[in-house]
C-alpha atoms as a PDB file:
ATOM      1  CA  MET A   1     -11.487  25.936  38.691  1.00  0.00           C
ATOM      2  CA  LYS A   2     -12.831  23.770  35.878  1.00  0.00           C
ATOM      3  CA  LEU A   3      -9.323  23.369  34.479  1.00  0.00           C
ATOM      4  CA  HIS A   4      -8.075  21.812  37.739  1.00  0.00           C
ATOM      5  CA  LYS A   5     -10.981  19.362  37.835  1.00  0.00           C
ATOM      6  CA  SER A   6     -10.482  18.268  34.204  1.00  0.00           C
ATOM      7  CA  GLY A   7      -6.786  17.905  34.864  1.00  0.00           C
ATOM      8  CA  ARG A   8      -7.494  15.586  37.821  1.00  0.00           C
ATOM      9  CA  ILE A   9      -9.872  13.527  35.713  1.00  0.00           C
ATOM     10  CA  ALA A  10      -7.296  13.205  32.943  1.00  0.00           C
ATOM     11  CA  ILE A  11      -4.593  12.094  35.464  1.00  0.00           C
ATOM     12  CA  ALA A  12      -6.994   9.602  37.045  1.00  0.00           C
ATOM     13  CA  GLY A  13      -7.820   8.263  33.648  1.00  0.00           C
ATOM     14  CA  LEU A  14      -4.158   7.863  32.774  1.00  0.00           C
ATOM     15  CA  ALA A  15      -3.512   6.138  36.067  1.00  0.00           C
ATOM     16  CA  ALA A  16      -6.399   3.707  35.428  1.00  0.00           C
ATOM     17  CA  VAL A  17      -5.047   2.913  31.932  1.00  0.00           C
ATOM     18  CA  ALA A  18      -1.541   2.390  33.271  1.00  0.00           C
ATOM     19  CA  ALA A  19      -2.814   0.100  36.081  1.00  0.00           C
ATOM     20  CA  LEU A  20      -4.812  -1.970  33.583  1.00  0.00           C
ATOM     21  CA  SER A  21      -1.872  -2.176  31.217  1.00  0.00           C
ATOM     22  CA  LEU A  22       0.516  -3.342  33.960  1.00  0.00           C
ATOM     23  CA  SER A  23      -1.918  -5.916  35.272  1.00  0.00           C
ATOM     24  CA  ALA A  24      -2.160  -7.425  31.823  1.00  0.00           C
ATOM     25  CA  CYS A  25       1.555  -8.001  31.794  1.00  0.00           C
ATOM     26  CA  GLY A  26       1.724 -10.048  35.011  1.00  0.00           C
ATOM     27  CA  SER A  27       0.533 -13.546  35.750  1.00  0.00           C
ATOM     28  CA  ASP A  28      -0.751 -15.179  38.972  1.00  0.00           C
ATOM     29  CA  ASP A  29      -0.511 -18.608  37.516  1.00  0.00           C
ATOM     30  CA  SER A  30       2.172 -20.205  39.712  1.00  0.00           C
ATOM     31  CA  LYS A  31       1.445 -23.721  38.507  1.00  0.00           C
ATOM     32  CA  THR A  32       3.111 -23.197  35.167  1.00  0.00           C
ATOM     33  CA  THR A  33       6.563 -24.560  34.796  1.00  0.00           C
ATOM     34  CA  PRO A  34       9.153 -22.954  32.635  1.00  0.00           C
ATOM     35  CA  THR A  35       9.764 -24.636  29.357  1.00  0.00           C
ATOM     36  CA  LYS A  36      13.108 -25.207  27.822  1.00  0.00           C
ATOM     37  CA  ALA A  37      13.965 -22.933  24.971  1.00  0.00           C
ATOM     38  CA  SER A  38      14.366 -24.892  21.859  1.00  0.00           C
ATOM     39  CA  LYS A  39      16.741 -23.890  19.179  1.00  0.00           C
ATOM     40  CA  THR A  40      14.950 -23.321  15.893  1.00  0.00           C
ATOM     41  CA  SER A  41      16.431 -21.717  12.891  1.00  0.00           C
ATOM     42  CA  THR A  42      14.136 -19.528  10.961  1.00  0.00           C
ATOM     43  CA  SER A  43      15.081 -18.840   7.421  1.00  0.00           C
ATOM     44  CA  VAL A  44      13.107 -16.780   5.020  1.00  0.00           C
ATOM     45  CA  VAL A  45      12.290 -18.742   1.957  1.00  0.00           C
ATOM     46  CA  ALA A  46      11.231 -16.831  -1.077  1.00  0.00           C
ATOM     47  CA  ASN A  47       7.758 -17.710  -2.299  1.00  0.00           C
ATOM     48  CA  PRO A  48       8.302 -19.523  -5.620  1.00  0.00           C
ATOM     49  CA  ASN A  49       4.930 -18.227  -6.881  1.00  0.00           C
ATOM     50  CA  LEU A  50       6.008 -14.594  -6.621  1.00  0.00           C
ATOM     51  CA  PRO A  51       7.582 -12.846  -9.577  1.00  0.00           C
ATOM     52  CA  PRO A  52      11.057 -11.480  -8.967  1.00  0.00           C
ATOM     53  CA  LYS A  53      11.287  -8.078  -7.364  1.00  0.00           C
ATOM     54  CA  PRO A  54      10.936  -5.521 -10.172  1.00  0.00           C
ATOM     55  CA  THR A  55      13.640  -2.880 -10.763  1.00  0.00           C
ATOM     56  CA  VAL A  56      13.126   0.858 -10.844  1.00  0.00           C
ATOM     57  CA  ALA A  57      13.537   0.749 -14.623  1.00  0.00           C
ATOM     58  CA  GLU A  58      10.937  -2.002 -15.009  1.00  0.00           C
ATOM     59  CA  LEU A  59       8.387  -0.214 -12.963  1.00  0.00           C
ATOM     60  CA  ASN A  60       9.036   3.059 -14.736  1.00  0.00           C
ATOM     61  CA  ALA A  61       8.402   1.264 -18.077  1.00  0.00           C
ATOM     62  CA  GLU A  62       5.264  -0.353 -16.629  1.00  0.00           C
ATOM     63  CA  LEU A  63       3.879   2.924 -15.327  1.00  0.00           C
ATOM     64  CA  GLU A  64       4.764   4.746 -18.557  1.00  0.00           C
ATOM     65  CA  ARG A  65       2.858   2.163 -20.503  1.00  0.00           C
ATOM     66  CA  ALA A  66      -0.080   2.212 -18.004  1.00  0.00           C
ATOM     67  CA  PHE A  67      -0.342   6.037 -18.293  1.00  0.00           C
ATOM     68  CA  ASP A  68      -0.096   6.038 -22.105  1.00  0.00           C
ATOM     69  CA  PRO A  69      -3.644   6.605 -23.519  1.00  0.00           C
ATOM     70  CA  SER A  70      -2.516   5.429 -26.949  1.00  0.00           C
ATOM     71  CA  VAL A  71      -1.959   1.888 -25.638  1.00  0.00           C
ATOM     72  CA  PRO A  72      -5.370   0.024 -25.743  1.00  0.00           C
ATOM     73  CA  SER A  73      -6.916  -0.944 -22.392  1.00  0.00           C
ATOM     74  CA  ALA A  74      -7.000  -4.587 -23.441  1.00  0.00           C
ATOM     75  CA  GLU A  75      -3.223  -4.568 -23.556  1.00  0.00           C
ATOM     76  CA  LYS A  76      -2.973  -2.928 -20.100  1.00  0.00           C
ATOM     77  CA  LEU A  77      -5.478  -5.184 -18.215  1.00  0.00           C
ATOM     78  CA  GLU A  78      -2.541  -7.155 -16.726  1.00  0.00           C
ATOM     79  CA  SER A  79      -1.140  -3.905 -15.315  1.00  0.00           C
ATOM     80  CA  VAL A  80      -3.869  -3.034 -12.835  1.00  0.00           C
ATOM     81  CA  GLN A  81      -5.289  -5.353 -10.155  1.00  0.00           C
ATOM     82  CA  GLY A  82      -9.032  -5.958 -10.597  1.00  0.00           C
ATOM     83  CA  ALA A  83      -9.262  -4.241 -13.968  1.00  0.00           C
ATOM     84  CA  GLU A  84     -11.434  -7.131 -15.173  1.00  0.00           C
ATOM     85  CA  ALA A  85     -14.353  -5.476 -13.372  1.00  0.00           C
ATOM     86  CA  ASP A  86     -13.913  -2.465 -15.671  1.00  0.00           C
ATOM     87  CA  PRO A  87     -11.889  -3.341 -18.801  1.00  0.00           C
ATOM     88  CA  ASP A  88     -11.549   0.397 -19.489  1.00  0.00           C
ATOM     89  CA  LEU A  89     -10.093   1.200 -16.056  1.00  0.00           C
ATOM     90  CA  PRO A  90      -6.487   1.420 -17.322  1.00  0.00           C
ATOM     91  CA  ASN A  91      -7.354   3.884 -20.053  1.00  0.00           C
ATOM     92  CA  ARG A  92      -9.633   5.903 -17.753  1.00  0.00           C
ATOM     93  CA  LEU A  93      -6.597   6.305 -15.551  1.00  0.00           C
ATOM     94  CA  ALA A  94      -4.325   7.159 -18.534  1.00  0.00           C
ATOM     95  CA  GLU A  95      -6.816   9.733 -19.837  1.00  0.00           C
ATOM     96  CA  ALA A  96      -7.188  11.342 -16.400  1.00  0.00           C
ATOM     97  CA  ALA A  97      -3.397  11.522 -16.049  1.00  0.00           C
ATOM     98  CA  LYS A  98      -3.047  13.043 -19.526  1.00  0.00           C
ATOM     99  CA  ASN A  99      -5.754  15.640 -18.781  1.00  0.00           C
ATOM    100  CA  ALA A 100      -3.987  16.617 -15.529  1.00  0.00           C
ATOM    101  CA  ASN A 101      -0.621  16.689 -17.239  1.00  0.00           C
ATOM    102  CA  ALA A 102       0.522  14.047 -14.759  1.00  0.00           C
ATOM    103  CA  LYS A 103       3.948  12.351 -14.922  1.00  0.00           C
ATOM    104  CA  ILE A 104       5.221   9.599 -12.603  1.00  0.00           C
ATOM    105  CA  THR A 105       8.830   8.531 -12.129  1.00  0.00           C
ATOM    106  CA  VAL A 106       9.850   5.664  -9.805  1.00  0.00           C
ATOM    107  CA  THR A 107      12.893   6.389  -7.700  1.00  0.00           C
ATOM    108  CA  ASP A 108      13.062   3.370  -5.391  1.00  0.00           C
ATOM    109  CA  VAL A 109      11.484  -0.082  -5.006  1.00  0.00           C
ATOM    110  CA  THR A 110      10.978  -2.042  -1.752  1.00  0.00           C
ATOM    111  CA  ALA A 111       9.563  -5.605  -1.570  1.00  0.00           C
ATOM    112  CA  PHE A 112       7.308  -6.740   1.280  1.00  0.00           C
ATOM    113  CA  GLY A 113       6.346 -10.374   0.690  1.00  0.00           C
ATOM    114  CA  ASP A 114       3.600 -10.447  -1.912  1.00  0.00           C
ATOM    115  CA  SER A 115       3.613  -6.696  -2.403  1.00  0.00           C
ATOM    116  CA  VAL A 116       6.049  -4.073  -3.677  1.00  0.00           C
ATOM    117  CA  THR A 117       6.060  -0.393  -2.860  1.00  0.00           C
ATOM    118  CA  ALA A 118       7.540   1.965  -5.410  1.00  0.00           C
ATOM    119  CA  LYS A 119       8.564   5.457  -4.172  1.00  0.00           C
ATOM    120  CA  ALA A 120       7.841   7.783  -6.994  1.00  0.00           C
ATOM    121  CA  LYS A 121       7.949  11.419  -8.007  1.00  0.00           C
ATOM    122  CA  PHE A 122       4.457  12.334  -9.118  1.00  0.00           C
ATOM    123  CA  VAL A 123       4.050  15.663 -10.977  1.00  0.00           C
ATOM    124  CA  VAL A 124       0.545  16.960 -11.546  1.00  0.00           C
ATOM    125  CA  ASN A 125       0.077  20.234 -13.399  1.00  0.00           C
ATOM    126  CA  GLY A 126       3.702  21.194 -12.499  1.00  0.00           C
ATOM    127  CA  GLN A 127       3.339  20.390  -8.814  1.00  0.00           C
ATOM    128  CA  GLU A 128       5.744  17.676  -7.573  1.00  0.00           C
ATOM    129  CA  ASN A 129       4.839  15.216  -4.870  1.00  0.00           C
ATOM    130  CA  MET A 130       6.473  12.078  -3.588  1.00  0.00           C
ATOM    131  CA  VAL A 131       4.032   9.158  -3.541  1.00  0.00           C
ATOM    132  CA  ASP A 132       4.104   5.442  -2.713  1.00  0.00           C
ATOM    133  CA  VAL A 133       2.692   3.311  -5.472  1.00  0.00           C
ATOM    134  CA  PRO A 134       1.753  -0.175  -4.221  1.00  0.00           C
ATOM    135  CA  PHE A 135       2.014  -3.198  -6.513  1.00  0.00           C
ATOM    136  CA  VAL A 136       0.640  -6.618  -5.724  1.00  0.00           C
ATOM    137  CA  ALA A 137       1.594 -10.006  -7.139  1.00  0.00           C
ATOM    138  CA  GLU A 138      -1.216 -11.562  -9.119  1.00  0.00           C
ATOM    139  CA  ASN A 139      -0.974 -14.432 -11.554  1.00  0.00           C
ATOM    140  CA  GLY A 140       2.843 -14.246 -11.560  1.00  0.00           C
ATOM    141  CA  LYS A 141       2.887 -10.506 -12.474  1.00  0.00           C
ATOM    142  CA  TRP A 142       3.250  -7.330 -10.475  1.00  0.00           C
ATOM    143  CA  LYS A 143       0.167  -5.190 -10.856  1.00  0.00           C
ATOM    144  CA  ILE A 144      -0.739  -1.669  -9.652  1.00  0.00           C
ATOM    145  CA  GLU A 145      -2.917  -2.155  -6.580  1.00  0.00           C
ATOM    146  CA  LYS A 146      -6.567  -1.499  -7.413  1.00  0.00           C
ATOM    147  CA  SER A 147      -7.223   0.763  -4.418  1.00  0.00           C
ATOM    148  CA  TRP A 148      -4.326   3.049  -5.461  1.00  0.00           C
ATOM    149  CA  ALA A 149      -5.581   3.124  -9.099  1.00  0.00           C
ATOM    150  CA  CYS A 150      -9.090   3.988  -7.818  1.00  0.00           C
ATOM    151  CA  THR A 151      -7.788   6.715  -5.483  1.00  0.00           C
ATOM    152  CA  MET A 152      -5.723   8.253  -8.302  1.00  0.00           C
ATOM    153  CA  LEU A 153      -8.702   8.052 -10.609  1.00  0.00           C
ATOM    154  CA  THR A 154     -10.918   9.844  -8.098  1.00  0.00           C
ATOM    155  CA  ASN A 155      -8.253  12.446  -7.372  1.00  0.00           C
ATOM    156  CA  LEU A 156      -7.989  13.165 -11.071  1.00  0.00           C
ATOM    157  CA  GLY A 157     -11.727  13.590 -11.388  1.00  0.00           C
ATOM    158  CA  GLN A 158     -12.711  10.275 -12.947  1.00  0.00           C
ATOM    159  CA  GLN A 159     -14.736   7.235 -11.824  1.00  0.00           C
ATOM    160  CA  SER A 160     -14.890   3.576 -12.617  1.00  0.00           C
ATOM    161  CA  PRO A 161     -17.413   0.793 -11.856  1.00  0.00           C
ATOM    162  CA  ALA A 162     -14.451  -1.240 -10.596  1.00  0.00           C
ATOM    163  CA  CYS A 163     -13.950   1.277  -7.791  1.00  0.00           C
ATOM    164  CA  GLY A 164     -17.466   1.101  -6.383  1.00  0.00           C
END
């Protein structure tokens, strides 16, 4: 018996939501006059402050360098967004990746305005996963998004003051 009652309540709730949704679509304002549609051409203009969309090869080289613990952090600060808050963030990430035997290979790049998403094959301790690596434009350069770097760092068992 309780099932029937809860079913009726659910149906009544859905009906109320549908009624409210439909009432939001209509208008009682009969005083408005239709306006003429104007012809406007919208063209997408590339932002001149954005660097050109990186290629798969360029991002693979960038990630290989970022994940190389032998490259000093000071040389990789321009690779990770917000790394100034923790100048050792790039090498923390590189060491964590090395310890987890992680490898990353970009397979595709898609641009979305001031960001780029790289589809990548990410192998950790022999287990392969497909991941999206977000890059953001900052100071004329594509950088690994800080939140992604922090998430990877956490997932690989490390921390950084920049990720607080």
